[in-house]
Protein backbone atom coordinates (compact mmCIF):
# COMPACT_ATOMS: atom_id res chain seq x y z
CA MET A 1 -20.58 68.11 21.83
CA ASN A 2 -21.15 64.84 19.97
CA SER A 3 -18.66 62.85 17.96
CA LEU A 4 -19.73 64.59 14.74
CA ASP A 5 -18.56 67.92 16.15
CA LEU A 6 -15.01 66.66 16.65
CA PRO A 7 -12.44 67.59 14.01
CA ILE A 8 -11.22 64.73 11.85
CA PRO A 9 -7.43 64.38 11.83
CA TYR A 10 -5.86 65.09 8.45
CA ALA A 11 -4.26 61.62 8.34
CA THR A 12 -7.70 60.04 8.62
CA LEU A 13 -8.99 62.12 5.72
CA GLY A 14 -6.04 61.02 3.58
CA THR A 15 -6.61 57.39 4.49
CA MET A 16 -10.29 57.57 3.67
CA SER A 17 -9.69 59.18 0.29
CA ARG A 18 -7.12 56.49 -0.56
CA ILE A 19 -9.57 53.78 0.45
CA SER A 20 -12.34 55.43 -1.55
CA PHE A 21 -10.04 55.68 -4.56
CA LYS A 22 -9.10 51.99 -4.33
CA VAL A 23 -12.79 51.04 -4.19
CA PHE A 24 -13.48 53.32 -7.15
CA CYS A 25 -10.68 51.65 -9.13
CA LEU A 26 -11.86 48.15 -8.25
CA GLU A 27 -15.49 48.87 -9.11
CA SER A 28 -14.57 50.68 -12.32
CA TYR A 29 -12.32 47.86 -13.50
CA SER A 30 -14.98 45.34 -12.57
CA ARG A 31 -17.43 47.10 -14.91
CA HIS A 32 -14.74 47.65 -17.56
CA ARG A 33 -13.89 43.94 -17.76
CA GLN A 34 -17.33 42.66 -16.72
CA LEU A 35 -15.84 40.66 -13.86
CA PRO A 36 -17.14 40.26 -10.31
CA ALA A 37 -15.59 42.78 -7.93
CA ASN A 38 -14.21 40.04 -5.65
CA ARG A 39 -12.34 38.57 -8.64
CA VAL A 40 -10.95 41.99 -9.56
CA TYR A 41 -9.82 42.48 -5.97
CA ALA A 42 -8.01 39.13 -6.05
CA ILE A 43 -6.35 40.04 -9.37
CA PHE A 44 -5.31 43.50 -8.16
CA LYS A 45 -3.95 42.11 -4.89
CA SER A 46 -2.04 39.15 -6.36
CA SER A 47 -0.57 41.20 -9.21
CA GLY A 48 0.63 44.03 -6.98
CA LEU A 49 -1.68 46.52 -8.67
CA LEU A 50 -3.52 47.25 -5.42
CA ALA A 51 -0.23 48.23 -3.77
CA LEU A 52 0.70 50.31 -6.83
CA ILE A 53 -2.61 52.19 -6.63
CA ASP A 54 -1.79 53.02 -3.03
CA SER A 55 1.84 54.00 -3.61
CA ASP A 56 1.07 56.04 -6.75
CA TYR A 57 -2.16 57.54 -5.39
CA GLU A 58 -0.97 61.13 -5.84
CA ASP A 59 -0.28 60.55 -9.56
CA LEU A 60 -3.30 58.36 -10.30
CA HIS A 61 -6.21 59.97 -8.48
CA GLY A 62 -6.41 62.94 -10.84
CA LEU A 63 -6.65 60.82 -14.00
CA GLY A 64 -9.85 60.10 -15.85
CA ILE A 65 -11.47 56.69 -15.82
CA GLU A 66 -10.39 55.89 -19.40
CA ALA A 67 -6.75 56.61 -18.60
CA LEU A 68 -6.94 54.51 -15.43
CA MET A 69 -8.47 51.54 -17.26
CA GLU A 70 -5.73 51.76 -19.92
CA ILE A 71 -3.01 51.86 -17.25
CA PHE A 72 -4.55 48.89 -15.40
CA ASP A 73 -4.93 46.89 -18.63
CA GLN A 74 -1.30 47.54 -19.60
CA TYR A 75 -0.05 46.71 -16.12
CA LEU A 76 -1.99 43.46 -15.98
CA GLN A 77 -0.88 42.38 -19.46
CA GLY A 78 2.61 41.91 -18.09
CA VAL A 79 1.50 39.96 -15.01
CA LYS A 80 0.55 36.30 -14.89
CA ILE A 81 -2.62 35.98 -12.85
């Protein structure tokens, strides 16, 4: 049996999907605002938006990209970056 045959713990799957969702949000916002991804990461982290994406994952991950970009724009309007 190799490592690929081993079951993946549920917690690991949840962590990976949260990480994937954060990356998706960062990349999508980077394209939306035509900013480099490293700059978007810095903005999301310093504003608290990265933590919000993690804490509100269950509510956010089912939304469409347009709705997410609107939420992120509105959130960042109220934050000095």
